[in-house]
Amino acid sequence: QVKEQFPHLKIGKSVHDYAGAKEAEHHGA
């Protein structure tokens, strides 16, 4: 949602395992 509204922004995401990291990348982190 953030990427759709603000495509110019770079986004980082806190994760605690591989699954969370994979999901974050999939959604555009």
mmCIF file of all heavy atoms, coordinates in Angstrom:
data_MODEL
# 
_entry.id   MODEL 
# 
loop_
_atom_site.group_PDB 
_atom_site.id 
_atom_site.type_symbol 
_atom_site.label_atom_id 
_atom_site.label_alt_id 
_atom_site.label_comp_id 
_atom_site.label_asym_id 
_atom_site.label_entity_id 
_atom_site.label_seq_id 
_atom_site.pdbx_PDB_ins_code 
_atom_site.Cartn_x 
_atom_site.Cartn_y 
_atom_site.Cartn_z 
_atom_site.occupancy 
_atom_site.B_iso_or_equiv 
_atom_site.pdbx_formal_charge 
_atom_site.auth_seq_id 
_atom_site.auth_comp_id 
_atom_site.auth_asym_id 
_atom_site.auth_atom_id 
_atom_site.pdbx_PDB_model_num 
ATOM 1   N N   . GLN A 1 1  ? 0.823  -1.210  0.000  1.00 0.00 ? 1  GLN A N   1 
ATOM 2   C CA  . GLN A 1 1  ? 0.000  0.000   0.000  1.00 0.00 ? 1  GLN A CA  1 
ATOM 3   C C   . GLN A 1 1  ? 0.857  1.259   0.000  1.00 0.00 ? 1  GLN A C   1 
ATOM 4   O O   . GLN A 1 1  ? 0.560  2.232   -0.696 1.00 0.00 ? 1  GLN A O   1 
ATOM 5   C CB  . GLN A 1 1  ? -0.932 -0.006  1.219  1.00 0.00 ? 1  GLN A CB  1 
ATOM 6   C CG  . GLN A 1 1  ? -2.062 -1.011  1.118  1.00 0.00 ? 1  GLN A CG  1 
ATOM 7   C CD  . GLN A 1 1  ? -2.949 -1.022  2.356  1.00 0.00 ? 1  GLN A CD  1 
ATOM 8   O OE1 . GLN A 1 1  ? -2.535 -0.597  3.435  1.00 0.00 ? 1  GLN A OE1 1 
ATOM 9   N NE2 . GLN A 1 1  ? -4.169 -1.517  2.200  1.00 0.00 ? 1  GLN A NE2 1 
ATOM 10  N N   . VAL A 1 2  ? 1.931  1.231   0.776  1.00 0.00 ? 2  VAL A N   1 
ATOM 11  C CA  . VAL A 1 2  ? 2.824  2.388   0.822  1.00 0.00 ? 2  VAL A CA  1 
ATOM 12  C C   . VAL A 1 2  ? 3.470  2.610   -0.541 1.00 0.00 ? 2  VAL A C   1 
ATOM 13  O O   . VAL A 1 2  ? 3.560  3.741   -1.037 1.00 0.00 ? 2  VAL A O   1 
ATOM 14  C CB  . VAL A 1 2  ? 3.907  2.206   1.911  1.00 0.00 ? 2  VAL A CB  1 
ATOM 15  C CG1 . VAL A 1 2  ? 4.928  3.345   1.832  1.00 0.00 ? 2  VAL A CG1 1 
ATOM 16  C CG2 . VAL A 1 2  ? 3.271  2.162   3.290  1.00 0.00 ? 2  VAL A CG2 1 
ATOM 17  N N   . LYS A 1 3  ? 3.895  1.529   -1.182 1.00 0.00 ? 3  LYS A N   1 
ATOM 18  C CA  . LYS A 1 3  ? 4.519  1.626   -2.504 1.00 0.00 ? 3  LYS A CA  1 
ATOM 19  C C   . LYS A 1 3  ? 3.541  2.157   -3.545 1.00 0.00 ? 3  LYS A C   1 
ATOM 20  O O   . LYS A 1 3  ? 3.922  2.935   -4.439 1.00 0.00 ? 3  LYS A O   1 
ATOM 21  C CB  . LYS A 1 3  ? 5.043  0.259   -2.943 1.00 0.00 ? 3  LYS A CB  1 
ATOM 22  C CG  . LYS A 1 3  ? 6.363  -0.139  -2.335 1.00 0.00 ? 3  LYS A CG  1 
ATOM 23  C CD  . LYS A 1 3  ? 7.527  0.603   -2.976 1.00 0.00 ? 3  LYS A CD  1 
ATOM 24  C CE  . LYS A 1 3  ? 8.867  0.102   -2.480 1.00 0.00 ? 3  LYS A CE  1 
ATOM 25  N NZ  . LYS A 1 3  ? 10.000 0.820   -3.075 1.00 0.00 ? 3  LYS A NZ  1 
ATOM 26  N N   . GLU A 1 4  ? 2.287  1.746   -3.441 1.00 0.00 ? 4  GLU A N   1 
ATOM 27  C CA  . GLU A 1 4  ? 1.280  2.211   -4.396 1.00 0.00 ? 4  GLU A CA  1 
ATOM 28  C C   . GLU A 1 4  ? 1.026  3.703   -4.244 1.00 0.00 ? 4  GLU A C   1 
ATOM 29  O O   . GLU A 1 4  ? 0.855  4.424   -5.221 1.00 0.00 ? 4  GLU A O   1 
ATOM 30  C CB  . GLU A 1 4  ? -0.024 1.429   -4.204 1.00 0.00 ? 4  GLU A CB  1 
ATOM 31  C CG  . GLU A 1 4  ? 0.049  0.002   -4.735 1.00 0.00 ? 4  GLU A CG  1 
ATOM 32  C CD  . GLU A 1 4  ? -1.190 -0.804  -4.404 1.00 0.00 ? 4  GLU A CD  1 
ATOM 33  O OE1 . GLU A 1 4  ? -2.052 -0.297  -3.643 1.00 0.00 ? 4  GLU A OE1 1 
ATOM 34  O OE2 . GLU A 1 4  ? -1.306 -1.954  -4.887 1.00 0.00 ? 4  GLU A OE2 1 
ATOM 35  N N   . GLN A 1 5  ? 1.018  4.184   -2.993 1.00 0.00 ? 5  GLN A N   1 
ATOM 36  C CA  . GLN A 1 5  ? 0.772  5.600   -2.737 1.00 0.00 ? 5  GLN A CA  1 
ATOM 37  C C   . GLN A 1 5  ? 1.996  6.467   -2.959 1.00 0.00 ? 5  GLN A C   1 
ATOM 38  O O   . GLN A 1 5  ? 1.905  7.601   -3.438 1.00 0.00 ? 5  GLN A O   1 
ATOM 39  C CB  . GLN A 1 5  ? 0.279  5.791   -1.290 1.00 0.00 ? 5  GLN A CB  1 
ATOM 40  C CG  . GLN A 1 5  ? -1.208 5.544   -1.103 1.00 0.00 ? 5  GLN A CG  1 
ATOM 41  C CD  . GLN A 1 5  ? -1.655 6.044   0.263  1.00 0.00 ? 5  GLN A CD  1 
ATOM 42  O OE1 . GLN A 1 5  ? -1.489 5.379   1.267  1.00 0.00 ? 5  GLN A OE1 1 
ATOM 43  N NE2 . GLN A 1 5  ? -2.220 7.243   0.290  1.00 0.00 ? 5  GLN A NE2 1 
ATOM 44  N N   . PHE A 1 6  ? 3.158  5.925   -2.593 1.00 0.00 ? 6  PHE A N   1 
ATOM 45  C CA  . PHE A 1 6  ? 4.398  6.697   -2.668 1.00 0.00 ? 6  PHE A CA  1 
ATOM 46  C C   . PHE A 1 6  ? 5.481  5.869   -3.365 1.00 0.00 ? 6  PHE A C   1 
ATOM 47  O O   . PHE A 1 6  ? 6.420  5.380   -2.717 1.00 0.00 ? 6  PHE A O   1 
ATOM 48  C CB  . PHE A 1 6  ? 4.857  7.102   -1.264 1.00 0.00 ? 6  PHE A CB  1 
ATOM 49  C CG  . PHE A 1 6  ? 3.807  7.803   -0.456 1.00 0.00 ? 6  PHE A CG  1 
ATOM 50  C CD1 . PHE A 1 6  ? 3.103  7.119   0.533  1.00 0.00 ? 6  PHE A CD1 1 
ATOM 51  C CD2 . PHE A 1 6  ? 3.505  9.140   -0.681 1.00 0.00 ? 6  PHE A CD2 1 
ATOM 52  C CE1 . PHE A 1 6  ? 2.128  7.757   1.283  1.00 0.00 ? 6  PHE A CE1 1 
ATOM 53  C CE2 . PHE A 1 6  ? 2.527  9.785   0.055  1.00 0.00 ? 6  PHE A CE2 1 
ATOM 54  C CZ  . PHE A 1 6  ? 1.832  9.097   1.039  1.00 0.00 ? 6  PHE A CZ  1 
ATOM 55  N N   . PRO A 1 7  ? 5.364  5.712   -4.676 1.00 0.00 ? 7  PRO A N   1 
ATOM 56  C CA  . PRO A 1 7  ? 6.303  4.845   -5.404 1.00 0.00 ? 7  PRO A CA  1 
ATOM 57  C C   . PRO A 1 7  ? 7.753  5.310   -5.347 1.00 0.00 ? 7  PRO A C   1 
ATOM 58  O O   . PRO A 1 7  ? 8.678  4.522   -5.592 1.00 0.00 ? 7  PRO A O   1 
ATOM 59  C CB  . PRO A 1 7  ? 5.772  4.881   -6.839 1.00 0.00 ? 7  PRO A CB  1 
ATOM 60  C CG  . PRO A 1 7  ? 4.917  6.103   -6.922 1.00 0.00 ? 7  PRO A CG  1 
ATOM 61  C CD  . PRO A 1 7  ? 4.334  6.285   -5.554 1.00 0.00 ? 7  PRO A CD  1 
ATOM 62  N N   . HIS A 1 8  ? 7.974  6.584   -5.000 1.00 0.00 ? 8  HIS A N   1 
ATOM 63  C CA  . HIS A 1 8  ? 9.348  7.099   -4.939 1.00 0.00 ? 8  HIS A CA  1 
ATOM 64  C C   . HIS A 1 8  ? 10.063 6.702   -3.654 1.00 0.00 ? 8  HIS A C   1 
ATOM 65  O O   . HIS A 1 8  ? 11.288 6.794   -3.574 1.00 0.00 ? 8  HIS A O   1 
ATOM 66  C CB  . HIS A 1 8  ? 9.329  8.626   -5.032 1.00 0.00 ? 8  HIS A CB  1 
ATOM 67  C CG  . HIS A 1 8  ? 8.647  9.302   -3.878 1.00 0.00 ? 8  HIS A CG  1 
ATOM 68  N ND1 . HIS A 1 8  ? 7.276  9.290   -3.723 1.00 0.00 ? 8  HIS A ND1 1 
ATOM 69  C CD2 . HIS A 1 8  ? 9.154  9.970   -2.802 1.00 0.00 ? 8  HIS A CD2 1 
ATOM 70  C CE1 . HIS A 1 8  ? 6.965  9.944   -2.611 1.00 0.00 ? 8  HIS A CE1 1 
ATOM 71  N NE2 . HIS A 1 8  ? 8.077  10.363  -2.027 1.00 0.00 ? 8  HIS A NE2 1 
ATOM 72  N N   . LEU A 1 9  ? 9.299  6.273   -2.640 1.00 0.00 ? 9  LEU A N   1 
ATOM 73  C CA  . LEU A 1 9  ? 9.908  5.951   -1.348 1.00 0.00 ? 9  LEU A CA  1 
ATOM 74  C C   . LEU A 1 9  ? 10.647 4.616   -1.381 1.00 0.00 ? 9  LEU A C   1 
ATOM 75  O O   . LEU A 1 9  ? 10.190 3.652   -1.995 1.00 0.00 ? 9  LEU A O   1 
ATOM 76  C CB  . LEU A 1 9  ? 8.845  5.872   -0.256 1.00 0.00 ? 9  LEU A CB  1 
ATOM 77  C CG  . LEU A 1 9  ? 8.342  7.153   0.403  1.00 0.00 ? 9  LEU A CG  1 
ATOM 78  C CD1 . LEU A 1 9  ? 7.334  6.795   1.479  1.00 0.00 ? 9  LEU A CD1 1 
ATOM 79  C CD2 . LEU A 1 9  ? 9.480  7.975   0.993  1.00 0.00 ? 9  LEU A CD2 1 
ATOM 80  N N   . LYS A 1 10 ? 11.782 4.576   -0.677 1.00 0.00 ? 10 LYS A N   1 
ATOM 81  C CA  . LYS A 1 10 ? 12.438 3.312   -0.397 1.00 0.00 ? 10 LYS A CA  1 
ATOM 82  C C   . LYS A 1 10 ? 11.886 2.825   0.936  1.00 0.00 ? 10 LYS A C   1 
ATOM 83  O O   . LYS A 1 10 ? 11.681 3.624   1.854  1.00 0.00 ? 10 LYS A O   1 
ATOM 84  C CB  . LYS A 1 10 ? 13.952 3.488   -0.302 1.00 0.00 ? 10 LYS A CB  1 
ATOM 85  C CG  . LYS A 1 10 ? 14.614 3.809   -1.631 1.00 0.00 ? 10 LYS A CG  1 
ATOM 86  C CD  . LYS A 1 10 ? 16.118 3.934   -1.454 1.00 0.00 ? 10 LYS A CD  1 
ATOM 87  C CE  . LYS A 1 10 ? 16.780 4.249   -2.785 1.00 0.00 ? 10 LYS A CE  1 
ATOM 88  N NZ  . LYS A 1 10 ? 18.252 4.427   -2.631 1.00 0.00 ? 10 LYS A NZ  1 
ATOM 89  N N   . ILE A 1 11 ? 11.670 1.519   1.042  1.00 0.00 ? 11 ILE A N   1 
ATOM 90  C CA  . ILE A 1 11 ? 11.039 0.972   2.245  1.00 0.00 ? 11 ILE A CA  1 
ATOM 91  C C   . ILE A 1 11 ? 11.871 -0.163  2.824  1.00 0.00 ? 11 ILE A C   1 
ATOM 92  O O   . ILE A 1 11 ? 12.246 -1.107  2.129  1.00 0.00 ? 11 ILE A O   1 
ATOM 93  C CB  . ILE A 1 11 ? 9.622  0.449   1.937  1.00 0.00 ? 11 ILE A CB  1 
ATOM 94  C CG1 . ILE A 1 11 ? 8.734  1.589   1.431  1.00 0.00 ? 11 ILE A CG1 1 
ATOM 95  C CG2 . ILE A 1 11 ? 9.010  -0.196  3.178  1.00 0.00 ? 11 ILE A CG2 1 
ATOM 96  C CD1 . ILE A 1 11 ? 7.365  1.141   1.004  1.00 0.00 ? 11 ILE A CD1 1 
ATOM 97  N N   . GLY A 1 12 ? 12.146 -0.041  4.125  1.00 0.00 ? 12 GLY A N   1 
ATOM 98  C CA  . GLY A 1 12 ? 12.777 -1.119  4.857  1.00 0.00 ? 12 GLY A CA  1 
ATOM 99  C C   . GLY A 1 12 ? 11.752 -1.784  5.751  1.00 0.00 ? 12 GLY A C   1 
ATOM 100 O O   . GLY A 1 12 ? 10.743 -1.173  6.120  1.00 0.00 ? 12 GLY A O   1 
ATOM 101 N N   . LYS A 1 13 ? 12.003 -3.041  6.093  1.00 0.00 ? 13 LYS A N   1 
ATOM 102 C CA  . LYS A 1 13 ? 11.049 -3.783  6.917  1.00 0.00 ? 13 LYS A CA  1 
ATOM 103 C C   . LYS A 1 13 ? 11.782 -4.602  7.965  1.00 0.00 ? 13 LYS A C   1 
ATOM 104 O O   . LYS A 1 13 ? 12.772 -5.275  7.667  1.00 0.00 ? 13 LYS A O   1 
ATOM 105 C CB  . LYS A 1 13 ? 10.223 -4.717  6.029  1.00 0.00 ? 13 LYS A CB  1 
ATOM 106 C CG  . LYS A 1 13 ? 9.099  -5.463  6.736  1.00 0.00 ? 13 LYS A CG  1 
ATOM 107 C CD  . LYS A 1 13 ? 7.888  -4.582  6.949  1.00 0.00 ? 13 LYS A CD  1 
ATOM 108 C CE  . LYS A 1 13 ? 6.665  -5.392  7.389  1.00 0.00 ? 13 LYS A CE  1 
ATOM 109 N NZ  . LYS A 1 13 ? 5.483  -4.553  7.608  1.00 0.00 ? 13 LYS A NZ  1 
ATOM 110 N N   . SER A 1 14 ? 11.304 -4.544  9.208  1.00 0.00 ? 14 SER A N   1 
ATOM 111 C CA  . SER A 1 14 ? 11.854 -5.387  10.267 1.00 0.00 ? 14 SER A CA  1 
ATOM 112 C C   . SER A 1 14 ? 11.317 -6.801  10.118 1.00 0.00 ? 14 SER A C   1 
ATOM 113 O O   . SER A 1 14 ? 10.112 -7.001  9.919  1.00 0.00 ? 14 SER A O   1 
ATOM 114 C CB  . SER A 1 14 ? 11.472 -4.841  11.647 1.00 0.00 ? 14 SER A CB  1 
ATOM 115 O OG  . SER A 1 14 ? 12.111 -3.607  11.898 1.00 0.00 ? 14 SER A OG  1 
ATOM 116 N N   . VAL A 1 15 ? 12.212 -7.795  10.213 1.00 0.00 ? 15 VAL A N   1 
ATOM 117 C CA  . VAL A 1 15 ? 11.805 -9.200  10.109 1.00 0.00 ? 15 VAL A CA  1 
ATOM 118 C C   . VAL A 1 15 ? 12.549 -10.010 11.161 1.00 0.00 ? 15 VAL A C   1 
ATOM 119 O O   . VAL A 1 15 ? 13.591 -9.591  11.671 1.00 0.00 ? 15 VAL A O   1 
ATOM 120 C CB  . VAL A 1 15 ? 12.079 -9.784  8.701  1.00 0.00 ? 15 VAL A CB  1 
ATOM 121 C CG1 . VAL A 1 15 ? 11.298 -9.016  7.636  1.00 0.00 ? 15 VAL A CG1 1 
ATOM 122 C CG2 . VAL A 1 15 ? 13.569 -9.765  8.374  1.00 0.00 ? 15 VAL A CG2 1 
ATOM 123 N N   . HIS A 1 16 ? 11.999 -11.176 11.472 1.00 0.00 ? 16 HIS A N   1 
ATOM 124 C CA  . HIS A 1 16 ? 12.616 -12.014 12.494 1.00 0.00 ? 16 HIS A CA  1 
ATOM 125 C C   . HIS A 1 16 ? 12.906 -13.435 12.014 1.00 0.00 ? 16 HIS A C   1 
ATOM 126 O O   . HIS A 1 16 ? 13.368 -14.272 12.790 1.00 0.00 ? 16 HIS A O   1 
ATOM 127 C CB  . HIS A 1 16 ? 11.723 -12.055 13.746 1.00 0.00 ? 16 HIS A CB  1 
ATOM 128 C CG  . HIS A 1 16 ? 11.577 -10.714 14.390 1.00 0.00 ? 16 HIS A CG  1 
ATOM 129 N ND1 . HIS A 1 16 ? 10.577 -9.824  14.058 1.00 0.00 ? 16 HIS A ND1 1 
ATOM 130 C CD2 . HIS A 1 16 ? 12.331 -10.101 15.325 1.00 0.00 ? 16 HIS A CD2 1 
ATOM 131 C CE1 . HIS A 1 16 ? 10.719 -8.716  14.770 1.00 0.00 ? 16 HIS A CE1 1 
ATOM 132 N NE2 . HIS A 1 16 ? 11.763 -8.861  15.550 1.00 0.00 ? 16 HIS A NE2 1 
ATOM 133 N N   . ASP A 1 17 ? 12.635 -13.687 10.734 1.00 0.00 ? 17 ASP A N   1 
ATOM 134 C CA  . ASP A 1 17 ? 12.952 -14.997 10.174 1.00 0.00 ? 17 ASP A CA  1 
ATOM 135 C C   . ASP A 1 17 ? 12.971 -14.905 8.647  1.00 0.00 ? 17 ASP A C   1 
ATOM 136 O O   . ASP A 1 17 ? 12.645 -13.865 8.065  1.00 0.00 ? 17 ASP A O   1 
ATOM 137 C CB  . ASP A 1 17 ? 11.940 -16.067 10.635 1.00 0.00 ? 17 ASP A CB  1 
ATOM 138 C CG  . ASP A 1 17 ? 10.487 -15.672 10.384 1.00 0.00 ? 17 ASP A CG  1 
ATOM 139 O OD1 . ASP A 1 17 ? 10.216 -14.934 9.408  1.00 0.00 ? 17 ASP A OD1 1 
ATOM 140 O OD2 . ASP A 1 17 ? 9.615  -16.089 11.169 1.00 0.00 ? 17 ASP A OD2 1 
ATOM 141 N N   . TYR A 1 18 ? 13.350 -16.021 8.026  1.00 0.00 ? 18 TYR A N   1 
ATOM 142 C CA  . TYR A 1 18 ? 13.455 -16.038 6.565  1.00 0.00 ? 18 TYR A CA  1 
ATOM 143 C C   . TYR A 1 18 ? 12.098 -15.822 5.906  1.00 0.00 ? 18 TYR A C   1 
ATOM 144 O O   . TYR A 1 18 ? 11.984 -15.076 4.917  1.00 0.00 ? 18 TYR A O   1 
ATOM 145 C CB  . TYR A 1 18 ? 14.047 -17.374 6.092  1.00 0.00 ? 18 TYR A CB  1 
ATOM 146 C CG  . TYR A 1 18 ? 13.923 -17.567 4.599  1.00 0.00 ? 18 TYR A CG  1 
ATOM 147 C CD1 . TYR A 1 18 ? 14.648 -16.780 3.708  1.00 0.00 ? 18 TYR A CD1 1 
ATOM 148 C CD2 . TYR A 1 18 ? 13.046 -18.527 4.082  1.00 0.00 ? 18 TYR A CD2 1 
ATOM 149 C CE1 . TYR A 1 18 ? 14.506 -16.942 2.333  1.00 0.00 ? 18 TYR A CE1 1 
ATOM 150 C CE2 . TYR A 1 18 ? 12.903 -18.698 2.714  1.00 0.00 ? 18 TYR A CE2 1 
ATOM 151 C CZ  . TYR A 1 18 ? 13.636 -17.901 1.842  1.00 0.00 ? 18 TYR A CZ  1 
ATOM 152 O OH  . TYR A 1 18 ? 13.494 -18.059 0.492  1.00 0.00 ? 18 TYR A OH  1 
ATOM 153 N N   . ALA A 1 19 ? 11.049 -16.434 6.448  1.00 0.00 ? 19 ALA A N   1 
ATOM 154 C CA  . ALA A 1 19 ? 9.717  -16.305 5.852  1.00 0.00 ? 19 ALA A CA  1 
ATOM 155 C C   . ALA A 1 19 ? 9.274  -14.840 5.811  1.00 0.00 ? 19 ALA A C   1 
ATOM 156 O O   . ALA A 1 19 ? 8.725  -14.371 4.812  1.00 0.00 ? 19 ALA A O   1 
ATOM 157 C CB  . ALA A 1 19 ? 8.707  -17.148 6.633  1.00 0.00 ? 19 ALA A CB  1 
ATOM 158 N N   . GLY A 1 20 ? 9.531  -14.129 6.902  1.00 0.00 ? 20 GLY A N   1 
ATOM 159 C CA  . GLY A 1 20 ? 9.162  -12.719 6.957  1.00 0.00 ? 20 GLY A CA  1 
ATOM 160 C C   . GLY A 1 20 ? 9.945  -11.899 5.947  1.00 0.00 ? 20 GLY A C   1 
ATOM 161 O O   . GLY A 1 20 ? 9.410  -10.980 5.317  1.00 0.00 ? 20 GLY A O   1 
ATOM 162 N N   . ALA A 1 21 ? 11.212 -12.231 5.781  1.00 0.00 ? 21 ALA A N   1 
ATOM 163 C CA  . ALA A 1 21 ? 12.060 -11.515 4.823  1.00 0.00 ? 21 ALA A CA  1 
ATOM 164 C C   . ALA A 1 21 ? 11.605 -11.770 3.390  1.00 0.00 ? 21 ALA A C   1 
ATOM 165 O O   . ALA A 1 21 ? 11.543 -10.853 2.570  1.00 0.00 ? 21 ALA A O   1 
ATOM 166 C CB  . ALA A 1 21 ? 13.507 -11.943 5.007  1.00 0.00 ? 21 ALA A CB  1 
ATOM 167 N N   . LYS A 1 22 ? 11.266 -13.020 3.109  1.00 0.00 ? 22 LYS A N   1 
ATOM 168 C CA  . LYS A 1 22 ? 10.810 -13.380 1.768  1.00 0.00 ? 22 LYS A CA  1 
ATOM 169 C C   . LYS A 1 22 ? 9.507  -12.658 1.432  1.00 0.00 ? 22 LYS A C   1 
ATOM 170 O O   . LYS A 1 22 ? 9.320  -12.149 0.317  1.00 0.00 ? 22 LYS A O   1 
ATOM 171 C CB  . LYS A 1 22 ? 10.617 -14.898 1.672  1.00 0.00 ? 22 LYS A CB  1 
ATOM 172 C CG  . LYS A 1 22 ? 10.261 -15.383 0.271  1.00 0.00 ? 22 LYS A CG  1 
ATOM 173 C CD  . LYS A 1 22 ? 10.164 -16.906 0.236  1.00 0.00 ? 22 LYS A CD  1 
ATOM 174 C CE  . LYS A 1 22 ? 9.838  -17.391 -1.195 1.00 0.00 ? 22 LYS A CE  1 
ATOM 175 N NZ  . LYS A 1 22 ? 9.737  -18.876 -1.219 1.00 0.00 ? 22 LYS A NZ  1 
ATOM 176 N N   . GLU A 1 23 ? 8.610  -12.605 2.394  1.00 0.00 ? 23 GLU A N   1 
ATOM 177 C CA  . GLU A 1 23 ? 7.337  -11.913 2.194  1.00 0.00 ? 23 GLU A CA  1 
ATOM 178 C C   . GLU A 1 23 ? 7.555  -10.418 1.968  1.00 0.00 ? 23 GLU A C   1 
ATOM 179 O O   . GLU A 1 23 ? 6.931  -9.807  1.102  1.00 0.00 ? 23 GLU A O   1 
ATOM 180 C CB  . GLU A 1 23 ? 6.424  -12.133 3.401  1.00 0.00 ? 23 GLU A CB  1 
ATOM 181 C CG  . GLU A 1 23 ? 5.055  -11.475 3.250  1.00 0.00 ? 23 GLU A CG  1 
ATOM 182 C CD  . GLU A 1 23 ? 4.165  -11.668 4.463  1.00 0.00 ? 23 GLU A CD  1 
ATOM 183 O OE1 . GLU A 1 23 ? 4.647  -12.181 5.486  1.00 0.00 ? 23 GLU A OE1 1 
ATOM 184 O OE2 . GLU A 1 23 ? 2.976  -11.294 4.384  1.00 0.00 ? 23 GLU A OE2 1 
ATOM 185 N N   . ALA A 1 24 ? 8.460  -9.839  2.742  1.00 0.00 ? 24 ALA A N   1 
ATOM 186 C CA  . ALA A 1 24 ? 8.757  -8.415  2.600  1.00 0.00 ? 24 ALA A CA  1 
ATOM 187 C C   . ALA A 1 24 ? 9.285  -8.104  1.209  1.00 0.00 ? 24 ALA A C   1 
ATOM 188 O O   . ALA A 1 24 ? 8.874  -7.125  0.572  1.00 0.00 ? 24 ALA A O   1 
ATOM 189 C CB  . ALA A 1 24 ? 9.767  -7.987  3.665  1.00 0.00 ? 24 ALA A CB  1 
ATOM 190 N N   . GLU A 1 25 ? 10.192 -8.936  0.724  1.00 0.00 ? 25 GLU A N   1 
ATOM 191 C CA  . GLU A 1 25 ? 10.730 -8.723  -0.630 1.00 0.00 ? 25 GLU A CA  1 
ATOM 192 C C   . GLU A 1 25 ? 9.622  -8.858  -1.673 1.00 0.00 ? 25 GLU A C   1 
ATOM 193 O O   . GLU A 1 25 ? 9.533  -8.062  -2.614 1.00 0.00 ? 25 GLU A O   1 
ATOM 194 C CB  . GLU A 1 25 ? 11.851 -9.718  -0.928 1.00 0.00 ? 25 GLU A CB  1 
ATOM 195 C CG  . GLU A 1 25 ? 12.455 -9.497  -2.319 1.00 0.00 ? 25 GLU A CG  1 
ATOM 196 C CD  . GLU A 1 25 ? 13.528 -10.503 -2.651 1.00 0.00 ? 25 GLU A CD  1 
ATOM 197 O OE1 . GLU A 1 25 ? 13.186 -11.715 -2.729 1.00 0.00 ? 25 GLU A OE1 1 
ATOM 198 O OE2 . GLU A 1 25 ? 14.684 -10.108 -2.866 1.00 0.00 ? 25 GLU A OE2 1 
ATOM 199 N N   . HIS A 1 26 ? 8.780  -9.859  -1.489 1.00 0.00 ? 26 HIS A N   1 
ATOM 200 C CA  . HIS A 1 26 ? 7.677  -10.097 -2.436 1.00 0.00 ? 26 HIS A CA  1 
ATOM 201 C C   . HIS A 1 26 ? 6.757  -8.883  -2.551 1.00 0.00 ? 26 HIS A C   1 
ATOM 202 O O   . HIS A 1 26 ? 6.264  -8.553  -3.627 1.00 0.00 ? 26 HIS A O   1 
ATOM 203 C CB  . HIS A 1 26 ? 6.875  -11.320 -1.986 1.00 0.00 ? 26 HIS A CB  1 
ATOM 204 C CG  . HIS A 1 26 ? 5.653  -11.592 -2.822 1.00 0.00 ? 26 HIS A CG  1 
ATOM 205 N ND1 . HIS A 1 26 ? 5.722  -12.075 -4.110 1.00 0.00 ? 26 HIS A ND1 1 
ATOM 206 C CD2 . HIS A 1 26 ? 4.328  -11.417 -2.541 1.00 0.00 ? 26 HIS A CD2 1 
ATOM 207 C CE1 . HIS A 1 26 ? 4.496  -12.184 -4.595 1.00 0.00 ? 26 HIS A CE1 1 
ATOM 208 N NE2 . HIS A 1 26 ? 3.629  -11.800 -3.671 1.00 0.00 ? 26 HIS A NE2 1 
ATOM 209 N N   . HIS A 1 27 ? 6.555  -8.182  -1.436 1.00 0.00 ? 27 HIS A N   1 
ATOM 210 C CA  . HIS A 1 27 ? 5.651  -7.033  -1.431 1.00 0.00 ? 27 HIS A CA  1 
ATOM 211 C C   . HIS A 1 27 ? 6.327  -5.719  -1.808 1.00 0.00 ? 27 HIS A C   1 
ATOM 212 O O   . HIS A 1 27 ? 5.669  -4.685  -1.859 1.00 0.00 ? 27 HIS A O   1 
ATOM 213 C CB  . HIS A 1 27 ? 4.981  -6.898  -0.056 1.00 0.00 ? 27 HIS A CB  1 
ATOM 214 C CG  . HIS A 1 27 ? 3.948  -7.956  0.204  1.00 0.00 ? 27 HIS A CG  1 
ATOM 215 N ND1 . HIS A 1 27 ? 2.821  -8.129  -0.577 1.00 0.00 ? 27 HIS A ND1 1 
ATOM 216 C CD2 . HIS A 1 27 ? 3.883  -8.929  1.159  1.00 0.00 ? 27 HIS A CD2 1 
ATOM 217 C CE1 . HIS A 1 27 ? 2.104  -9.136  -0.114 1.00 0.00 ? 27 HIS A CE1 1 
ATOM 218 N NE2 . HIS A 1 27 ? 2.726  -9.644  0.929  1.00 0.00 ? 27 HIS A NE2 1 
ATOM 219 N N   . GLY A 1 28 ? 7.636  -5.777  -2.043 1.00 0.00 ? 28 GLY A N   1 
ATOM 220 C CA  . GLY A 1 28 ? 8.310  -4.585  -2.556 1.00 0.00 ? 28 GLY A CA  1 
ATOM 221 C C   . GLY A 1 28 ? 9.290  -3.892  -1.638 1.00 0.00 ? 28 GLY A C   1 
ATOM 222 O O   . GLY A 1 28 ? 9.730  -2.774  -1.927 1.00 0.00 ? 28 GLY A O   1 
ATOM 223 N N   . ALA A 1 29 ? 9.668  -4.521  -0.514 1.00 0.00 ? 29 ALA A N   1 
ATOM 224 C CA  . ALA A 1 29 ? 10.648 -3.903  0.385  1.00 0.00 ? 29 ALA A CA  1 
ATOM 225 C C   . ALA A 1 29 ? 11.979 -3.735  -0.340 1.00 0.00 ? 29 ALA A C   1 
ATOM 226 O O   . ALA A 1 29 ? 12.360 -4.563  -1.179 1.00 0.00 ? 29 ALA A O   1 
ATOM 227 C CB  . ALA A 1 29 ? 10.844 -4.760  1.632  1.00 0.00 ? 29 ALA A CB  1 
# 
